[in-house]
Amino acid sequence: MQLSLNAVGETALITLYIKAKDYTSPYHSVLNDKLSWEILNKIDYNFDKFNHAWSSYYGVLARALVFDAQIKKFLHRYPDCIVICLGAGLDTEFYRIDNGTIDWYNIDYPETIAARELLFDAHPRVHNITKSILDPSWPTDIHVDGRKLLLIAEGVLMYLTEQEVKSFLNLLTDSFQEFTALFDLAYTGWVNKGKFHDAVSKMNVDFQWGVVDGKEVVQLNPKLTQIDFINITHSMTALLNGWGFLLYPFIYMSNNRIGIYKYQARLHKRALP
């Protein structure tokens, strides 16, 4: 089938292709994500243009490993939590990490959610919300009911402007009492340099916002507390075998990084006079 996706939504096909290609690896599949492979084979699209995007190949797999590990860590502490996947695209993460009790919300543009509903089987604990993550109304569709909340954004924030990121962060802290967030963050040196990227250069998009050490997120919204910062380079070079570590210093500076943040509304209530 052919999909009707906007420019940013189309970037979801990069990660889908890489996870599907990994599944068919003749050596060792990193994620063993059969569902991505099955979905890829339903879509009419020129995936061949990503064949030589080797840096993105290992980067996407490394990022997925880190996200999976961090989500599982959260689920171990809060097995009945809610996970909100912001800008979900065609991601299959729920099916890799599901513990049988979580509720999972996918939020994305209407055309992307329409594609998900054509390509994925319905699941009683997976809920789709057909709204942009910048739409101020989407938090009202989440039924928290006192459960712990984990927000994840993978391959999303780098396509927003700084002002849009600020509005998005304010929306989160204005809408929820507490949460933990995992944000995939691009290096600031990639801003307006998408034409040099091995995969994004094949798309009609560019990187609009990035960070150095993740503190930029807290500068945009001081209500957030940064609790960790993970550069995916270690995970990525481990996939490249021995020679990959020779590239470590060069990859580390420009690679994606994952910022982990917490918010608790009660810490920001004004003291009574």
Protein backbone atom coordinates (compact mmCIF):
# COMPACT_ATOMS: atom_id res chain seq x y z
CA MET A 1 0.00 0.00 0.00
CA GLN A 2 1.01 3.60 -0.53
CA LEU A 3 1.04 5.92 2.48
CA SER A 4 0.13 9.61 2.55
CA LEU A 5 2.54 11.15 5.08
CA ASN A 6 3.74 14.71 5.52
CA ALA A 7 7.46 15.51 5.29
CA VAL A 8 8.22 14.94 8.98
CA GLY A 9 5.96 11.90 9.13
CA GLU A 10 7.87 10.35 6.24
CA THR A 11 11.04 10.24 8.36
CA ALA A 12 9.38 7.36 10.27
CA LEU A 13 10.12 5.22 7.22
CA ILE A 14 13.87 5.57 7.87
CA THR A 15 13.68 3.91 11.28
CA LEU A 16 11.18 1.33 10.04
CA TYR A 17 13.50 0.36 7.18
CA ILE A 18 16.53 0.04 9.46
CA LYS A 19 14.75 -2.14 12.02
CA ALA A 20 13.37 -4.33 9.22
CA LYS A 21 16.81 -4.61 7.62
CA ASP A 22 18.30 -5.55 10.98
CA TYR A 23 15.74 -8.35 11.33
CA THR A 24 16.98 -9.93 8.08
CA SER A 25 20.68 -9.53 8.93
CA PRO A 26 22.62 -12.66 7.91
CA TYR A 27 24.89 -12.24 10.95
CA HIS A 28 23.01 -11.21 14.08
CA SER A 29 19.81 -9.24 14.52
CA VAL A 30 20.19 -6.57 17.19
CA LEU A 31 16.49 -5.95 17.89
CA ASN A 32 14.92 -9.07 16.33
CA ASP A 33 12.00 -6.83 15.36
CA LYS A 34 9.95 -9.08 13.11
CA LEU A 35 6.96 -6.74 13.21
CA SER A 36 8.93 -3.92 11.53
CA TRP A 37 9.88 -6.32 8.73
CA GLU A 38 6.26 -7.43 8.30
CA ILE A 39 5.04 -3.83 8.15
CA LEU A 40 7.75 -2.76 5.73
CA ASN A 41 6.64 -5.45 3.31
CA LYS A 42 3.13 -3.99 3.22
CA ILE A 43 4.31 -0.53 2.11
CA ASP A 44 4.90 0.64 -1.46
CA TYR A 45 7.91 2.97 -1.12
CA ASN A 46 11.43 3.35 -2.51
CA PHE A 47 13.35 2.10 0.53
CA ASP A 48 16.41 1.43 -1.63
CA LYS A 49 17.51 5.06 -1.22
CA PHE A 50 18.49 4.24 2.37
CA ASN A 51 20.67 1.26 1.42
CA HIS A 52 23.95 3.10 2.01
CA ALA A 53 22.98 5.01 5.15
CA TRP A 54 25.34 2.94 7.30
CA SER A 55 25.80 5.59 10.01
CA SER A 56 22.04 5.93 10.45
CA TYR A 57 21.71 2.14 10.40
CA TYR A 58 23.90 1.67 13.47
CA GLY A 59 22.69 4.89 15.07
CA VAL A 60 19.01 3.94 14.91
CA LEU A 61 19.70 0.47 16.31
CA ALA A 62 21.86 1.87 19.11
CA ARG A 63 19.22 4.47 19.98
CA ALA A 64 16.52 1.78 20.06
CA LEU A 65 18.63 -0.35 22.40
CA VAL A 66 19.07 2.56 24.81
CA PHE A 67 15.38 3.50 24.69
CA ASP A 68 14.29 -0.12 25.21
CA ALA A 69 16.63 -0.49 28.19
CA GLN A 70 15.49 2.76 29.83
CA ILE A 71 11.80 1.99 29.31
CA LYS A 72 12.23 -1.52 30.74
CA LYS A 73 13.99 0.00 33.76
CA PHE A 74 11.00 2.29 34.32
CA LEU A 75 8.56 -0.61 33.85
CA HIS A 76 10.48 -2.65 36.40
CA ARG A 77 9.82 0.06 38.99
CA TYR A 78 6.30 0.90 37.84
CA PRO A 79 4.82 -2.12 36.03
CA ASP A 80 1.34 -0.57 35.81
CA CYS A 81 2.49 2.71 34.29
CA ILE A 82 1.35 4.65 31.24
CA VAL A 83 3.75 5.31 28.36
CA ILE A 84 3.08 8.13 25.91
CA CYS A 85 4.93 7.86 22.61
CA LEU A 86 5.14 11.41 21.25
CA GLY A 87 5.40 11.53 17.47
CA ALA A 88 5.01 7.75 17.32
CA GLY A 89 5.41 7.36 13.57
CA LEU A 90 5.46 3.64 12.72
CA ASP A 91 7.42 2.68 15.80
CA THR A 92 7.09 -0.88 17.15
CA GLU A 93 8.60 -0.32 20.59
CA PHE A 94 5.49 -1.34 22.53
CA TYR A 95 5.72 -4.82 21.04
CA ARG A 96 9.38 -5.16 22.11
CA ILE A 97 8.98 -4.02 25.72
CA ASP A 98 5.36 -4.80 26.70
CA ASN A 99 5.09 -6.36 30.17
CA GLY A 100 1.41 -7.24 29.87
CA THR A 101 0.08 -4.46 32.11
CA ILE A 102 1.07 -1.05 30.71
CA ASP A 103 -1.14 1.24 28.68
CA TRP A 104 0.55 2.82 25.66
CA TYR A 105 -0.55 5.97 23.83
CA ASN A 106 0.65 6.83 20.31
CA ILE A 107 0.33 10.50 19.40
CA ASP A 108 0.95 11.73 15.87
CA TYR A 109 -0.53 13.54 12.88
CA PRO A 110 -3.87 12.16 11.60
CA GLU A 111 -2.31 10.75 8.42
CA THR A 112 0.36 8.91 10.44
CA ILE A 113 -2.15 7.44 12.87
CA ALA A 114 -4.32 6.43 9.90
CA ALA A 115 -1.29 4.56 8.51
CA ARG A 116 -0.71 2.88 11.89
CA GLU A 117 -4.31 1.70 12.03
CA LEU A 118 -3.99 0.18 8.56
CA LEU A 119 -0.66 -1.52 9.27
CA PHE A 120 -0.97 -2.61 12.93
CA ASP A 121 -3.52 -4.92 14.47
CA ALA A 122 -5.67 -3.33 17.16
CA HIS A 123 -4.52 -3.92 20.74
CA PRO A 124 -6.62 -3.29 23.88
CA ARG A 125 -3.78 -1.49 25.66
CA VAL A 126 -2.54 0.58 22.72
CA HIS A 127 -4.41 3.84 22.17
CA ASN A 128 -3.95 6.14 19.17
CA ILE A 129 -4.45 9.91 19.38
CA THR A 130 -4.72 11.73 16.05
CA LYS A 131 -3.18 15.05 17.02
CA SER A 132 0.08 16.90 16.65
CA ILE A 133 2.19 16.89 19.82
CA LEU A 134 1.90 20.70 19.67
CA ASP A 135 -1.89 20.53 19.86
CA PRO A 136 -2.71 21.77 23.39
CA SER A 137 -5.71 19.44 23.65
CA TRP A 138 -4.04 16.03 23.42
CA PRO A 139 -3.23 15.70 27.17
CA THR A 140 -6.98 15.67 27.89
CA ASP A 141 -7.16 12.37 25.99
CA ILE A 142 -4.78 10.66 28.43
CA HIS A 143 -6.38 8.88 31.38
CA VAL A 144 -3.65 8.84 34.03
CA ASP A 145 -5.80 7.89 37.05
CA GLY A 146 -2.90 8.19 39.48
CA ARG A 147 -0.56 5.89 37.55
CA LYS A 148 3.08 6.73 36.89
CA LEU A 149 3.69 8.39 33.53
CA LEU A 150 6.59 7.96 31.11
CA LEU A 151 6.88 10.20 28.03
CA ILE A 152 9.14 9.23 25.16
CA ALA A 153 10.08 11.19 22.03
CA GLU A 154 12.37 9.41 19.59
CA GLY A 155 13.42 11.12 16.34
CA VAL A 156 10.99 14.00 16.89
CA LEU A 157 12.24 17.12 18.68
CA MET A 158 15.05 17.85 16.22
CA TYR A 159 12.43 18.67 13.57
CA LEU A 160 10.82 21.39 15.73
CA THR A 161 11.99 24.98 16.09
CA GLU A 162 13.30 26.09 19.48
CA GLN A 163 10.08 28.03 20.12
CA GLU A 164 8.01 24.96 19.26
CA VAL A 165 10.11 22.85 21.64
CA LYS A 166 9.57 25.44 24.37
CA SER A 167 5.80 25.45 23.78
CA PHE A 168 5.80 21.65 23.79
CA LEU A 169 7.68 21.45 27.11
CA ASN A 170 5.38 24.03 28.68
CA LEU A 171 2.38 22.01 27.51
CA LEU A 172 3.75 18.96 29.32
CA THR A 173 4.36 20.67 32.64
CA ASP A 174 1.05 22.56 32.43
CA SER A 175 -0.90 19.36 31.76
CA PHE A 176 0.47 16.66 34.06
CA GLN A 177 1.17 16.49 37.79
CA GLU A 178 4.33 14.45 37.36
CA PHE A 179 6.20 12.46 34.75
CA THR A 180 9.53 11.10 33.59
CA ALA A 181 10.57 11.89 30.01
CA LEU A 182 13.07 10.33 27.62
CA PHE A 183 13.93 12.75 24.82
CA ASP A 184 16.04 11.87 21.80
CA LEU A 185 18.14 14.97 21.11
CA ALA A 186 20.23 15.93 18.09
CA TYR A 187 23.60 17.63 18.40
CA THR A 188 23.28 21.35 17.76
CA GLY A 189 25.91 21.14 15.02
CA TRP A 190 23.37 19.33 12.84
CA VAL A 191 20.92 22.26 12.78
CA ASN A 192 20.28 23.24 9.14
CA LYS A 193 22.78 20.55 8.04
CA GLY A 194 20.33 17.83 7.06
CA LYS A 195 21.67 17.82 3.50
CA PHE A 196 24.86 16.21 4.86
CA HIS A 197 23.02 13.45 6.73
CA ASP A 198 23.12 10.01 5.10
CA ALA A 199 19.36 9.42 5.47
CA VAL A 200 17.64 12.76 6.17
CA SER A 201 19.28 14.18 3.03
CA LYS A 202 16.95 11.88 1.07
CA MET A 203 13.90 13.57 2.63
CA ASN A 204 12.28 16.99 2.32
CA VAL A 205 13.08 17.99 5.94
CA ASP A 206 15.91 19.49 7.96
CA PHE A 207 17.07 19.58 11.57
CA GLN A 208 15.85 22.72 13.31
CA TRP A 209 16.93 22.35 16.93
CA GLY A 210 19.69 20.62 18.85
CA VAL A 211 21.62 20.51 22.11
CA VAL A 212 25.11 20.03 23.49
CA ASP A 213 24.53 18.47 26.90
CA GLY A 214 20.76 18.42 27.37
CA LYS A 215 20.68 21.34 29.78
CA GLU A 216 19.12 23.34 26.96
CA VAL A 217 15.84 21.52 27.68
CA VAL A 218 15.85 22.77 31.28
CA GLN A 219 16.74 26.27 30.09
CA LEU A 220 13.59 26.24 27.96
CA ASN A 221 11.51 24.95 30.88
CA PRO A 222 13.15 25.29 34.34
CA LYS A 223 10.35 23.23 35.91
CA LEU A 224 12.08 20.14 34.50
CA THR A 225 14.98 18.43 36.26
CA GLN A 226 17.58 16.62 34.17
CA ILE A 227 18.43 13.31 35.84
CA ASP A 228 20.59 11.67 33.17
CA PHE A 229 22.20 12.25 29.80
CA ILE A 230 23.23 9.36 27.54
CA ASN A 231 25.25 9.72 24.36
CA ILE A 232 24.36 6.72 22.18
CA THR A 233 27.92 6.42 20.84
CA HIS A 234 28.97 3.68 23.27
CA SER A 235 25.98 1.57 22.27
CA MET A 236 26.58 2.33 18.60
CA THR A 237 30.31 1.53 18.49
CA ALA A 238 29.68 -1.73 20.37
CA LEU A 239 27.64 -2.81 17.32
CA LEU A 240 30.55 -1.96 15.03
CA ASN A 241 32.85 -4.54 16.63
CA GLY A 242 36.48 -3.72 17.43
CA TRP A 243 37.19 -1.19 14.71
CA GLY A 244 34.20 0.89 15.73
CA PHE A 245 35.99 2.09 18.85
CA LEU A 246 38.60 3.76 16.63
CA LEU A 247 35.82 6.08 15.44
CA TYR A 248 34.51 6.78 18.95
CA PRO A 249 35.98 10.28 19.42
CA PHE A 250 34.71 11.40 16.01
CA ILE A 251 31.21 9.98 16.41
CA TYR A 252 30.73 11.06 20.04
CA MET A 253 30.63 14.81 19.35
CA SER A 254 27.96 14.72 16.63
CA ASN A 255 25.90 11.73 17.71
CA ASN A 256 22.37 11.76 19.10
CA ARG A 257 22.01 11.90 22.83
CA ILE A 258 19.15 10.96 25.13
CA GLY A 259 18.14 13.32 27.91
CA ILE A 260 16.14 11.99 30.84
CA TYR A 261 14.01 14.47 32.78
CA LYS A 262 11.56 14.49 35.69
CA TYR A 263 8.76 16.81 36.63
CA GLN A 264 6.74 17.05 39.85
CA ALA A 265 4.13 19.79 40.08
CA ARG A 266 4.20 19.95 43.88
CA LEU A 267 7.80 21.10 43.78
CA HIS A 268 6.73 24.22 41.90
CA LYS A 269 3.71 25.32 43.91
CA ARG A 270 4.03 28.83 45.31
CA ALA A 271 4.38 28.95 49.07
CA LEU A 272 1.42 30.50 50.90
CA PRO A 273 2.12 33.89 52.52
